[in-house]
Amino acid sequence: MKISNKWKNWVSILDRKNCKPCEDNHGKIYEISEKVTSSPPLHPHC
C-alpha cells in the first residue's frame, strides 16, 4: 500500500460493535483538503 499526502481513507473495524455512521463511512476516500462533516472520532471509543 502506498502512503499518500493527498488522500485519507476512513477505516473501521466492521464488527457487531460498530455504529451506523462508522459502518457507512468505512472505505470512503477523501482528499486531505476536503472538509469532512463527520470525521473520527465520532463518539467515545471510536
PDB file of N, CA and C in Angstrom:
ATOM      1  N   MET A   1       0.842  -1.174   0.000  1.00  0.00           N
ATOM      2  CA  MET A   1       0.000   0.000   0.000  1.00  0.00           C
ATOM      3  C   MET A   1       0.890   1.241   0.000  1.00  0.00           C
ATOM      4  N   LYS A   2       0.567   2.187  -0.873  1.00  0.00           N
ATOM      5  CA  LYS A   2       1.310   3.436  -0.923  1.00  0.00           C
ATOM      6  C   LYS A   2       0.746   4.424   0.082  1.00  0.00           C
ATOM      7  N   ILE A   3       1.614   5.250   0.618  1.00  0.00           N
ATOM      8  CA  ILE A   3       1.187   6.324   1.511  1.00  0.00           C
ATOM      9  C   ILE A   3       1.033   7.575   0.664  1.00  0.00           C
ATOM     10  N   SER A   4      -0.051   8.283   0.866  1.00  0.00           N
ATOM     11  CA  SER A   4      -0.316   9.483   0.082  1.00  0.00           C
ATOM     12  C   SER A   4      -0.463  10.693   0.993  1.00  0.00           C
ATOM     13  N   ASN A   5       0.025  11.819   0.520  1.00  0.00           N
ATOM     14  CA  ASN A   5      -0.186  13.058   1.257  1.00  0.00           C
ATOM     15  C   ASN A   5      -1.327  13.857   0.634  1.00  0.00           C
ATOM     16  N   LYS A   6      -2.080  13.217  -0.285  1.00  0.00           N
ATOM     17  CA  LYS A   6      -3.202  13.881  -0.944  1.00  0.00           C
ATOM     18  C   LYS A   6      -4.552  13.296  -0.552  1.00  0.00           C
ATOM     19  N   TRP A   7      -4.549  12.088   0.007  1.00  0.00           N
ATOM     20  CA  TRP A   7      -5.792  11.378   0.296  1.00  0.00           C
ATOM     21  C   TRP A   7      -5.797  10.824   1.708  1.00  0.00           C
ATOM     22  N   LYS A   8      -6.992  10.664   2.259  1.00  0.00           N
ATOM     23  CA  LYS A   8      -7.158   9.959   3.532  1.00  0.00           C
ATOM     24  C   LYS A   8      -8.298   8.959   3.364  1.00  0.00           C
ATOM     25  N   ASN A   9      -8.190   7.864   4.059  1.00  0.00           N
ATOM     26  CA  ASN A   9      -9.133   6.760   3.915  1.00  0.00           C
ATOM     27  C   ASN A   9      -9.764   6.471   5.269  1.00  0.00           C
ATOM     28  N   TRP A  10     -11.087   6.388   5.307  1.00  0.00           N
ATOM     29  CA  TRP A  10     -11.814   6.072   6.543  1.00  0.00           C
ATOM     30  C   TRP A  10     -11.808   4.551   6.700  1.00  0.00           C
ATOM     31  N   VAL A  11     -11.239   4.069   7.791  1.00  0.00           N
ATOM     32  CA  VAL A  11     -11.165   2.631   8.035  1.00  0.00           C
ATOM     33  C   VAL A  11     -11.812   2.323   9.379  1.00  0.00           C
ATOM     34  N   SER A  12     -12.756   1.396   9.372  1.00  0.00           N
ATOM     35  CA  SER A  12     -13.418   0.941  10.597  1.00  0.00           C
ATOM     36  C   SER A  12     -13.226  -0.561  10.731  1.00  0.00           C
ATOM     37  N   ILE A  13     -13.237  -1.039  11.949  1.00  0.00           N
ATOM     38  CA  ILE A  13     -13.260  -2.481  12.175  1.00  0.00           C
ATOM     39  C   ILE A  13     -14.728  -2.873  12.150  1.00  0.00           C
ATOM     40  N   LEU A  14     -15.091  -3.641  11.148  1.00  0.00           N
ATOM     41  CA  LEU A  14     -16.501  -3.987  10.971  1.00  0.00           C
ATOM     42  C   LEU A  14     -16.854  -5.198  11.827  1.00  0.00           C
ATOM     43  N   ASP A  15     -17.462  -4.919  12.956  1.00  0.00           N
ATOM     44  CA  ASP A  15     -17.936  -5.978  13.839  1.00  0.00           C
ATOM     45  C   ASP A  15     -19.274  -5.552  14.430  1.00  0.00           C
ATOM     46  N   ARG A  16     -19.798  -6.312  15.335  1.00  0.00           N
ATOM     47  CA  ARG A  16     -21.137  -6.032  15.867  1.00  0.00           C
ATOM     48  C   ARG A  16     -21.180  -4.790  16.753  1.00  0.00           C
ATOM     49  N   LYS A  17     -20.013  -4.253  17.119  1.00  0.00           N
ATOM     50  CA  LYS A  17     -19.958  -3.062  17.968  1.00  0.00           C
ATOM     51  C   LYS A  17     -20.007  -1.756  17.172  1.00  0.00           C
ATOM     52  N   ASN A  18     -19.921  -1.850  15.860  1.00  0.00           N
ATOM     53  CA  ASN A  18     -19.899  -0.647  15.030  1.00  0.00           C
ATOM     54  C   ASN A  18     -21.182   0.148  15.113  1.00  0.00           C
ATOM     55  N   CYS A  19     -21.021   1.478  15.095  1.00  0.00           N
ATOM     56  CA  CYS A  19     -22.193   2.343  14.967  1.00  0.00           C
ATOM     57  C   CYS A  19     -22.468   2.527  13.472  1.00  0.00           C
ATOM     58  N   LYS A  20     -23.657   2.932  13.138  1.00  0.00           N
ATOM     59  CA  LYS A  20     -24.071   3.098  11.743  1.00  0.00           C
ATOM     60  C   LYS A  20     -23.194   4.110  10.995  1.00  0.00           C
ATOM     61  N   PRO A  21     -22.900   5.296  11.569  1.00  0.00           N
ATOM     62  CA  PRO A  21     -22.050   6.247  10.837  1.00  0.00           C
ATOM     63  C   PRO A  21     -20.655   5.691  10.517  1.00  0.00           C
ATOM     64  N   CYS A  22     -20.042   4.989  11.454  1.00  0.00           N
ATOM     65  CA  CYS A  22     -18.721   4.407  11.192  1.00  0.00           C
ATOM     66  C   CYS A  22     -18.814   3.337  10.104  1.00  0.00           C
ATOM     67  N   GLU A  23     -19.828   2.525  10.163  1.00  0.00           N
ATOM     68  CA  GLU A  23     -20.036   1.481   9.161  1.00  0.00           C
ATOM     69  C   GLU A  23     -20.265   2.098   7.781  1.00  0.00           C
ATOM     70  N   ASP A  24     -21.083   3.140   7.709  1.00  0.00           N
ATOM     71  CA  ASP A  24     -21.388   3.791   6.429  1.00  0.00           C
ATOM     72  C   ASP A  24     -20.168   4.469   5.815  1.00  0.00           C
ATOM     73  N   ASN A  25     -19.274   4.994   6.642  1.00  0.00           N
ATOM     74  CA  ASN A  25     -18.098   5.711   6.141  1.00  0.00           C
ATOM     75  C   ASN A  25     -16.915   4.804   5.838  1.00  0.00           C
ATOM     76  N   HIS A  26     -16.958   3.559   6.277  1.00  0.00           N
ATOM     77  CA  HIS A  26     -15.848   2.630   6.075  1.00  0.00           C
ATOM     78  C   HIS A  26     -15.486   2.548   4.588  1.00  0.00           C
ATOM     79  N   GLY A  27     -14.213   2.743   4.298  1.00  0.00           N
ATOM     80  CA  GLY A  27     -13.715   2.616   2.935  1.00  0.00           C
ATOM     81  C   GLY A  27     -13.806   3.879   2.095  1.00  0.00           C
ATOM     82  N   LYS A  28     -14.433   4.920   2.604  1.00  0.00           N
ATOM     83  CA  LYS A  28     -14.528   6.163   1.837  1.00  0.00           C
ATOM     84  C   LYS A  28     -13.161   6.838   1.793  1.00  0.00           C
ATOM     85  N   ILE A  29     -12.876   7.445   0.649  1.00  0.00           N
ATOM     86  CA  ILE A  29     -11.600   8.116   0.436  1.00  0.00           C
ATOM     87  C   ILE A  29     -11.874   9.596   0.208  1.00  0.00           C
ATOM     88  N   TYR A  30     -11.123  10.431   0.900  1.00  0.00           N
ATOM     89  CA  TYR A  30     -11.296  11.877   0.832  1.00  0.00           C
ATOM     90  C   TYR A  30      -9.965  12.539   0.506  1.00  0.00           C
ATOM     91  N   GLU A  31     -10.026  13.682  -0.174  1.00  0.00           N
ATOM     92  CA  GLU A  31      -8.830  14.493  -0.350  1.00  0.00           C
ATOM     93  C   GLU A  31      -8.473  15.087   1.011  1.00  0.00           C
ATOM     94  N   ILE A  32      -7.186  15.235   1.284  1.00  0.00           N
ATOM     95  CA  ILE A  32      -6.738  15.806   2.551  1.00  0.00           C
ATOM     96  C   ILE A  32      -7.370  17.179   2.770  1.00  0.00           C
ATOM     97  N   SER A  33      -7.482  17.960   1.706  1.00  0.00           N
ATOM     98  CA  SER A  33      -8.011  19.323   1.822  1.00  0.00           C
ATOM     99  C   SER A  33      -9.530  19.368   1.986  1.00  0.00           C
ATOM    100  N   GLU A  34     -10.202  18.244   1.731  1.00  0.00           N
ATOM    101  CA  GLU A  34     -11.665  18.200   1.814  1.00  0.00           C
ATOM    102  C   GLU A  34     -12.124  18.250   3.270  1.00  0.00           C
ATOM    103  N   LYS A  35     -13.088  19.102   3.541  1.00  0.00           N
ATOM    104  CA  LYS A  35     -13.666  19.169   4.886  1.00  0.00           C
ATOM    105  C   LYS A  35     -14.737  18.092   5.000  1.00  0.00           C
ATOM    106  N   VAL A  36     -14.540  17.169   5.902  1.00  0.00           N
ATOM    107  CA  VAL A  36     -15.498  16.093   6.131  1.00  0.00           C
ATOM    108  C   VAL A  36     -16.350  16.507   7.321  1.00  0.00           C
ATOM    109  N   THR A  37     -17.671  16.513   7.136  1.00  0.00           N
ATOM    110  CA  THR A  37     -18.556  16.991   8.200  1.00  0.00           C
ATOM    111  C   THR A  37     -18.452  16.143   9.456  1.00  0.00           C
ATOM    112  N   SER A  38     -18.252  14.866   9.273  1.00  0.00           N
ATOM    113  CA  SER A  38     -18.065  13.988  10.425  1.00  0.00           C
ATOM    114  C   SER A  38     -16.780  13.202  10.207  1.00  0.00           C
ATOM    115  N   SER A  39     -15.856  13.340  11.116  1.00  0.00           N
ATOM    116  CA  SER A  39     -14.608  12.602  10.999  1.00  0.00           C
ATOM    117  C   SER A  39     -14.263  12.008  12.358  1.00  0.00           C
ATOM    118  N   PRO A  40     -13.493  10.937  12.354  1.00  0.00           N
ATOM    119  CA  PRO A  40     -13.163  10.294  13.612  1.00  0.00           C
ATOM    120  C   PRO A  40     -12.459  11.243  14.568  1.00  0.00           C
ATOM    121  N   PRO A  41     -12.674  11.131  15.824  1.00  0.00           N
ATOM    122  CA  PRO A  41     -13.627  10.250  16.495  1.00  0.00           C
ATOM    123  C   PRO A  41     -15.032  10.863  16.511  1.00  0.00           C
ATOM    124  N   LEU A  42     -16.001  10.060  16.171  1.00  0.00           N
ATOM    125  CA  LEU A  42     -17.402  10.491  16.178  1.00  0.00           C
ATOM    126  C   LEU A  42     -18.010  10.386  17.564  1.00  0.00           C
ATOM    127  N   HIS A  43     -17.465   9.502  18.384  1.00  0.00           N
ATOM    128  CA  HIS A  43     -18.041   9.219  19.695  1.00  0.00           C
ATOM    129  C   HIS A  43     -16.974   8.588  20.581  1.00  0.00           C
ATOM    130  N   PRO A  44     -17.215   8.467  21.874  1.00  0.00           N
ATOM    131  CA  PRO A  44     -16.245   7.796  22.746  1.00  0.00           C
ATOM    132  C   PRO A  44     -15.965   6.368  22.255  1.00  0.00           C
ATOM    133  N   HIS A  45     -14.736   5.958  22.341  1.00  0.00           N
ATOM    134  CA  HIS A  45     -14.276   4.624  21.915  1.00  0.00           C
ATOM    135  C   HIS A  45     -14.365   4.448  20.410  1.00  0.00           C
ATOM    136  N   CYS A  46     -14.417   5.535  19.672  1.00  0.00           N
ATOM    137  CA  CYS A  46     -14.477   5.456  18.212  1.00  0.00           C
ATOM    138  C   CYS A  46     -13.086   5.149  17.692  1.00  0.00           C
TER     139      CYS A  46
END
